[in-house]
Amino acid sequence: MIRGLYTAAAGMVTQQRRHDTATQNIANLNTTGYKQVDSVSHAFPDVLISAMQGGVTKTIGRLNTGVFAEQSISQFLQGDLIESGKTVDFALSADLQVNDPATGEAMLFDGSGKHVSAEGEVTYKPQVFFTVQDNDGNNLYTRNGKFSVSPTGEVLSSGGYKVLGGNGNPLVLNTSEDNLKVDGQGYLIDNNTGLRSNTRLGISIVTKPMELVRDGNGVFHADDSADAGVRFADATDNMQVRQGYLENSNVDATQVTVDLNAAYRAYEANQKVVQFYDSSLQKAATEVGRV
């Protein structure tokens, strides 16, 4: 009986976490560059139930001992681009391809940006990010291109981080933000000559985006840049910088609402099971025990 109580309680904890994840997504429906989070649940290992009578063991079968929310996975699919008209607003659009080492052909990714080989190996589509830096000198990655310019000319993200240039150093402008012009590859345009300068926005390609860790404030970090395959973009990458645009949240409002209600109903069902066991234990302690 107690085993069932623990199983139902584990289900309640899992559904609460799933509910919290859906609530977080709904709260960030209008957050620039926000990436939807999906909660992944897994079952605890099954146990083999046996009955012993008179020294003879009889196998009954396997029993699942509950479920737990193992991890939260970010969906890095691109959100809709919304025109803002501001010169310091930027959005990224990209379609980065990966060649299958077995066939040499480009991999086909599904709607979630995932490719599963015939052997079951999972590959995620590479993603592109603006590169920013915190006060401790750590590189962070974001799709929120709502920037501003400080009085000293430093380009700052909406979270107050320093925006890096293509050389890995903080980007400092020698022109006013009203005169700022950037081409489709992220290079700044010289206002005097109208030609592309050597200064570029720091745009990073992350080959394995699932290695990124969410930090809050719309930024991610990589525990190991080499494992995540982080590098600065080059001319061969199929990506584009859109000045005067911002990337909207990629949250699917309909799906998240369904997930929210499903988690609530599943929580209620597990709660009723806990209440049933509680009632049964109370009867065992007060009525059966008295007899």
Protein backbone atom coordinates (compact mmCIF):
# COMPACT_ATOMS: atom_id res chain seq x y z
CA MET A 1 0.00 0.00 0.00
CA ILE A 2 2.79 2.46 0.89
CA ARG A 3 4.46 1.80 -2.46
CA GLY A 4 1.36 3.13 -4.24
CA LEU A 5 1.35 6.19 -1.99
CA TYR A 6 4.92 7.06 -2.99
CA THR A 7 4.13 6.45 -6.67
CA ALA A 8 1.18 8.87 -6.58
CA ALA A 9 3.21 11.46 -4.67
CA ALA A 10 5.99 11.26 -7.26
CA GLY A 11 3.37 11.85 -9.94
CA MET A 12 2.14 14.97 -8.14
CA VAL A 13 5.66 16.41 -7.92
CA THR A 14 6.25 15.70 -11.62
CA GLN A 15 2.99 17.32 -12.71
CA GLN A 16 3.66 20.35 -10.54
CA ARG A 17 6.99 20.83 -12.29
CA ARG A 18 5.34 20.34 -15.67
CA HIS A 19 2.70 22.92 -14.68
CA ASP A 20 5.40 25.40 -13.59
CA THR A 21 7.20 24.97 -16.92
CA ALA A 22 4.02 25.68 -18.89
CA THR A 23 3.32 28.72 -16.70
CA GLN A 24 6.82 30.04 -17.38
CA ASN A 25 6.25 29.71 -21.13
CA ILE A 26 2.92 31.54 -20.96
CA ALA A 27 4.47 34.34 -18.90
CA ASN A 28 7.09 34.85 -21.63
CA LEU A 29 4.76 34.82 -24.64
CA ASN A 30 5.77 38.41 -25.46
CA THR A 31 9.40 38.26 -24.30
CA THR A 32 11.78 39.10 -27.13
CA GLY A 33 13.95 36.16 -28.16
CA TYR A 34 12.51 33.81 -25.53
CA LYS A 35 12.82 30.08 -26.27
CA GLN A 36 10.11 27.68 -25.17
CA VAL A 37 10.97 25.13 -22.48
CA ASP A 38 9.58 21.59 -22.52
CA SER A 39 9.61 19.39 -19.42
CA VAL A 40 10.71 15.80 -20.04
CA SER A 41 9.44 13.08 -17.69
CA HIS A 42 10.87 9.60 -17.22
CA ALA A 43 9.75 6.56 -15.23
CA PHE A 44 11.67 5.19 -12.31
CA PRO A 45 13.12 1.72 -12.99
CA ASP A 46 10.58 -1.09 -12.83
CA VAL A 47 10.80 -3.62 -10.01
CA LEU A 48 10.03 -7.34 -10.18
CA ILE A 49 7.29 -8.38 -7.76
CA SER A 50 7.39 -11.90 -6.34
CA ALA A 51 5.33 -13.79 -3.76
CA MET A 52 6.87 -16.30 -1.34
CA GLN A 53 4.80 -19.05 0.23
CA GLY A 54 6.11 -22.16 1.88
CA GLY A 55 9.61 -21.50 0.58
CA VAL A 56 8.35 -21.31 -3.00
CA THR A 57 8.78 -18.05 -4.94
CA LYS A 58 6.17 -17.17 -7.52
CA THR A 59 6.79 -14.30 -9.94
CA ILE A 60 3.86 -11.91 -10.16
CA GLY A 61 5.23 -9.42 -12.69
CA ARG A 62 6.87 -6.03 -13.02
CA LEU A 63 5.67 -2.85 -11.29
CA ASN A 64 6.47 0.74 -12.16
CA THR A 65 7.45 2.74 -9.10
CA GLY A 66 6.62 6.22 -10.31
CA VAL A 67 7.69 9.06 -12.58
CA PHE A 68 9.96 12.07 -12.25
CA ALA A 69 10.62 15.25 -14.24
CA GLU A 70 14.16 14.54 -15.40
CA GLN A 71 15.03 17.72 -17.29
CA SER A 72 13.80 20.81 -19.09
CA ILE A 73 14.70 21.13 -22.76
CA SER A 74 14.79 24.46 -24.60
CA GLN A 75 13.30 24.64 -28.09
CA PHE A 76 15.58 26.83 -30.20
CA LEU A 77 13.34 27.13 -33.24
CA GLN A 78 13.17 30.64 -34.66
CA GLY A 79 10.31 32.90 -33.61
CA ASP A 80 8.51 35.38 -35.85
CA LEU A 81 10.42 38.54 -36.79
CA ILE A 82 8.61 41.76 -35.83
CA GLU A 83 9.59 45.11 -37.36
CA SER A 84 10.42 47.74 -34.74
CA GLY A 85 12.06 50.37 -36.93
CA LYS A 86 14.77 51.11 -34.33
CA THR A 87 18.38 51.17 -35.53
CA VAL A 88 19.66 49.36 -32.42
CA ASP A 89 17.19 46.50 -32.71
CA PHE A 90 18.44 43.35 -34.44
CA ALA A 91 17.12 39.91 -35.25
CA LEU A 92 18.81 36.82 -36.62
CA SER A 93 17.49 34.42 -39.23
CA ALA A 94 19.41 31.33 -40.24
CA ASP A 95 19.10 27.96 -41.92
CA LEU A 96 22.27 26.13 -40.94
CA GLN A 97 22.77 22.71 -42.46
CA VAL A 98 24.63 19.64 -41.25
CA ASN A 99 25.87 16.93 -43.58
CA ASP A 100 25.21 13.31 -42.68
CA PRO A 101 28.66 11.67 -42.27
CA ALA A 102 27.28 8.40 -43.65
CA THR A 103 25.79 9.79 -46.88
CA GLY A 104 27.41 13.21 -47.21
CA GLU A 105 23.97 14.73 -47.83
CA ALA A 106 22.31 17.45 -45.79
CA MET A 107 20.32 16.17 -42.81
CA LEU A 108 16.58 16.71 -42.75
CA PHE A 109 15.40 18.18 -39.45
CA ASP A 110 11.86 17.82 -38.13
CA GLY A 111 9.65 20.59 -36.77
CA SER A 112 11.50 20.60 -33.45
CA GLY A 113 14.90 20.96 -35.14
CA LYS A 114 15.91 17.35 -34.52
CA HIS A 115 17.28 14.66 -36.82
CA VAL A 116 17.25 10.97 -35.86
CA SER A 117 19.48 8.65 -37.89
CA ALA A 118 18.65 5.07 -38.79
CA GLU A 119 20.85 3.99 -35.88
CA GLY A 120 18.88 6.18 -33.47
CA GLU A 121 21.54 8.86 -33.10
CA VAL A 122 20.00 12.29 -32.45
CA THR A 123 21.42 15.47 -34.01
CA TYR A 124 20.04 18.94 -33.33
CA LYS A 125 20.08 21.76 -35.85
CA PRO A 126 22.85 24.33 -35.21
CA GLN A 127 21.63 27.72 -34.04
CA VAL A 128 22.91 31.29 -34.25
CA PHE A 129 23.12 33.76 -31.35
CA PHE A 130 24.30 37.24 -30.49
CA THR A 131 27.33 37.05 -28.20
CA VAL A 132 27.37 39.14 -25.03
CA GLN A 133 29.64 39.32 -22.01
CA ASP A 134 28.91 39.69 -18.30
CA ASN A 135 30.92 41.69 -15.78
CA ASP A 136 33.10 38.66 -15.03
CA GLY A 137 34.18 38.33 -18.66
CA ASN A 138 32.07 35.23 -19.37
CA ASN A 139 30.61 34.86 -22.85
CA LEU A 140 26.85 34.41 -23.02
CA TYR A 141 24.49 33.83 -25.93
CA THR A 142 21.10 35.38 -26.66
CA ARG A 143 18.51 35.84 -29.40
CA ASN A 144 17.25 39.07 -27.84
CA GLY A 145 18.65 41.75 -30.11
CA LYS A 146 17.06 44.70 -28.32
CA PHE A 147 20.26 46.69 -27.78
CA SER A 148 21.09 50.16 -26.51
CA VAL A 149 24.14 52.42 -26.64
CA SER A 150 25.76 53.84 -23.50
CA PRO A 151 27.09 57.45 -23.34
CA THR A 152 30.59 56.03 -23.95
CA GLY A 153 29.48 54.23 -27.12
CA GLU A 154 29.32 50.71 -25.66
CA VAL A 155 26.59 48.54 -27.13
CA LEU A 156 24.58 46.88 -24.37
CA SER A 157 21.93 44.16 -24.39
CA SER A 158 18.54 44.59 -22.73
CA GLY A 159 19.95 42.74 -19.70
CA GLY A 160 22.87 45.16 -19.37
CA TYR A 161 25.48 42.80 -20.84
CA LYS A 162 28.19 44.07 -23.17
CA VAL A 163 27.58 43.10 -26.79
CA LEU A 164 30.70 41.64 -28.36
CA GLY A 165 32.07 42.34 -31.80
CA GLY A 166 33.38 39.78 -34.25
CA ASN A 167 36.86 40.08 -32.70
CA GLY A 168 35.59 38.91 -29.32
CA ASN A 169 35.92 42.33 -27.68
CA PRO A 170 33.08 44.59 -26.46
CA LEU A 171 31.59 46.55 -29.34
CA VAL A 172 32.11 50.32 -29.09
CA LEU A 173 30.55 52.66 -31.66
CA ASN A 174 32.20 55.78 -33.04
CA THR A 175 28.85 57.08 -34.33
CA SER A 176 25.47 57.88 -32.85
CA GLU A 177 22.87 55.11 -32.72
CA ASP A 178 20.66 57.11 -35.13
CA ASN A 179 23.36 56.82 -37.80
CA LEU A 180 24.12 53.16 -37.12
CA LYS A 181 23.84 50.97 -40.20
CA VAL A 182 24.51 47.23 -40.36
CA ASP A 183 24.42 44.99 -43.41
CA GLY A 184 22.90 41.53 -43.68
CA GLN A 185 26.08 39.82 -42.45
CA GLY A 186 26.36 41.97 -39.35
CA TYR A 187 29.11 44.31 -40.57
CA LEU A 188 28.82 47.99 -39.68
CA ILE A 189 28.56 50.40 -42.60
CA ASP A 190 30.94 53.38 -42.66
CA ASN A 191 28.78 56.52 -42.75
CA ASN A 192 31.43 58.50 -44.63
CA THR A 193 32.10 56.05 -47.45
CA GLY A 194 28.95 53.94 -47.35
CA LEU A 195 31.17 50.84 -47.51
CA ARG A 196 31.34 47.85 -45.21
CA SER A 197 33.78 48.36 -42.33
CA ASN A 198 35.84 45.67 -40.61
CA THR A 199 33.71 45.91 -37.47
CA ARG A 200 31.09 43.23 -37.09
CA LEU A 201 28.51 42.15 -34.54
CA GLY A 202 29.70 39.13 -32.56
CA ILE A 203 27.46 36.39 -33.94
CA SER A 204 28.10 32.89 -32.64
CA ILE A 205 27.19 29.58 -34.22
CA VAL A 206 26.39 26.86 -31.66
CA THR A 207 26.66 23.48 -33.36
CA LYS A 208 25.12 21.62 -30.40
CA PRO A 209 22.56 24.02 -28.92
CA MET A 210 21.28 21.42 -26.44
CA GLU A 211 24.60 21.83 -24.60
CA LEU A 212 23.63 25.40 -23.68
CA VAL A 213 22.42 26.15 -20.15
CA ARG A 214 19.69 28.72 -19.56
CA ASP A 215 20.78 31.52 -17.21
CA GLY A 216 17.68 33.72 -17.18
CA ASN A 217 17.39 37.24 -18.63
CA GLY A 218 17.19 35.62 -22.06
CA VAL A 219 20.80 34.41 -22.09
CA PHE A 220 22.51 31.02 -22.19
CA HIS A 221 26.02 29.87 -21.40
CA ALA A 222 28.08 26.86 -22.42
CA ASP A 223 29.84 24.89 -19.69
CA ASP A 224 32.28 23.71 -22.36
CA SER A 225 32.44 25.78 -25.55
CA ALA A 226 34.30 23.02 -27.38
CA ASP A 227 31.65 20.41 -26.54
CA ALA A 228 28.89 22.79 -27.63
CA GLY A 229 30.76 23.56 -30.86
CA VAL A 230 30.71 27.34 -30.36
CA ARG A 231 32.41 29.50 -33.00
CA PHE A 232 31.98 32.90 -34.59
CA ALA A 233 30.00 32.99 -37.82
CA ASP A 234 31.81 33.27 -41.13
CA ALA A 235 30.86 34.02 -44.73
CA THR A 236 29.91 30.40 -45.46
CA ASP A 237 27.12 30.32 -42.86
CA ASN A 238 23.60 30.70 -44.20
CA MET A 239 22.46 33.41 -41.79
CA GLN A 240 21.27 37.00 -41.97
CA VAL A 241 21.11 39.98 -39.61
CA ARG A 242 17.93 42.04 -39.83
CA GLN A 243 18.32 45.60 -38.54
CA GLY A 244 15.18 47.25 -37.24
CA TYR A 245 13.59 43.90 -36.37
CA LEU A 246 13.19 41.82 -33.21
CA GLU A 247 12.57 38.11 -32.85
CA ASN A 248 9.37 37.26 -31.03
CA SER A 249 9.02 34.42 -28.54
CA ASN A 250 8.70 30.99 -30.16
CA VAL A 251 6.17 29.76 -27.58
CA ASP A 252 3.24 27.86 -29.08
CA ALA A 253 0.41 29.32 -27.01
CA THR A 254 -2.10 26.63 -27.98
CA GLN A 255 0.18 23.71 -27.14
CA VAL A 256 1.35 25.27 -23.89
CA THR A 257 -2.26 25.82 -22.79
CA VAL A 258 -3.03 22.16 -23.51
CA ASP A 259 0.05 21.11 -21.51
CA LEU A 260 -1.01 23.34 -18.63
CA ASN A 261 -4.48 21.81 -18.41
CA ALA A 262 -3.15 18.26 -18.83
CA ALA A 263 -0.68 18.76 -15.98
CA TYR A 264 -3.45 20.14 -13.77
CA ARG A 265 -5.76 17.19 -14.45
CA ALA A 266 -2.98 14.64 -13.92
CA TYR A 267 -2.06 16.34 -10.64
CA GLU A 268 -5.69 16.09 -9.49
CA ALA A 269 -5.81 12.37 -10.38
CA ASN A 270 -2.65 11.63 -8.38
CA GLN A 271 -3.98 13.72 -5.52
CA LYS A 272 -7.13 11.58 -5.34
CA VAL A 273 -4.98 8.44 -5.19
CA VAL A 274 -3.02 9.93 -2.25
CA GLN A 275 -6.29 10.78 -0.52
CA PHE A 276 -7.54 7.21 -1.06
CA TYR A 277 -4.41 5.71 0.50
CA ASP A 278 -4.61 8.18 3.36
CA SER A 279 -8.19 7.14 4.04
CA SER A 280 -7.28 3.45 3.86
CA LEU A 281 -4.38 3.88 6.28
CA GLN A 282 -6.62 5.79 8.66
CA LYS A 283 -9.15 2.95 8.67
CA ALA A 284 -6.38 0.39 9.19
CA ALA A 285 -5.09 2.33 12.18
CA THR A 286 -8.43 3.18 13.82
CA GLU A 287 -10.94 0.46 12.87
CA VAL A 288 -8.96 -2.67 11.98
CA GLY A 289 -6.48 -2.06 14.72
CA ARG A 290 -9.26 -1.71 17.30
CA VAL A 291 -10.79 -5.06 16.31
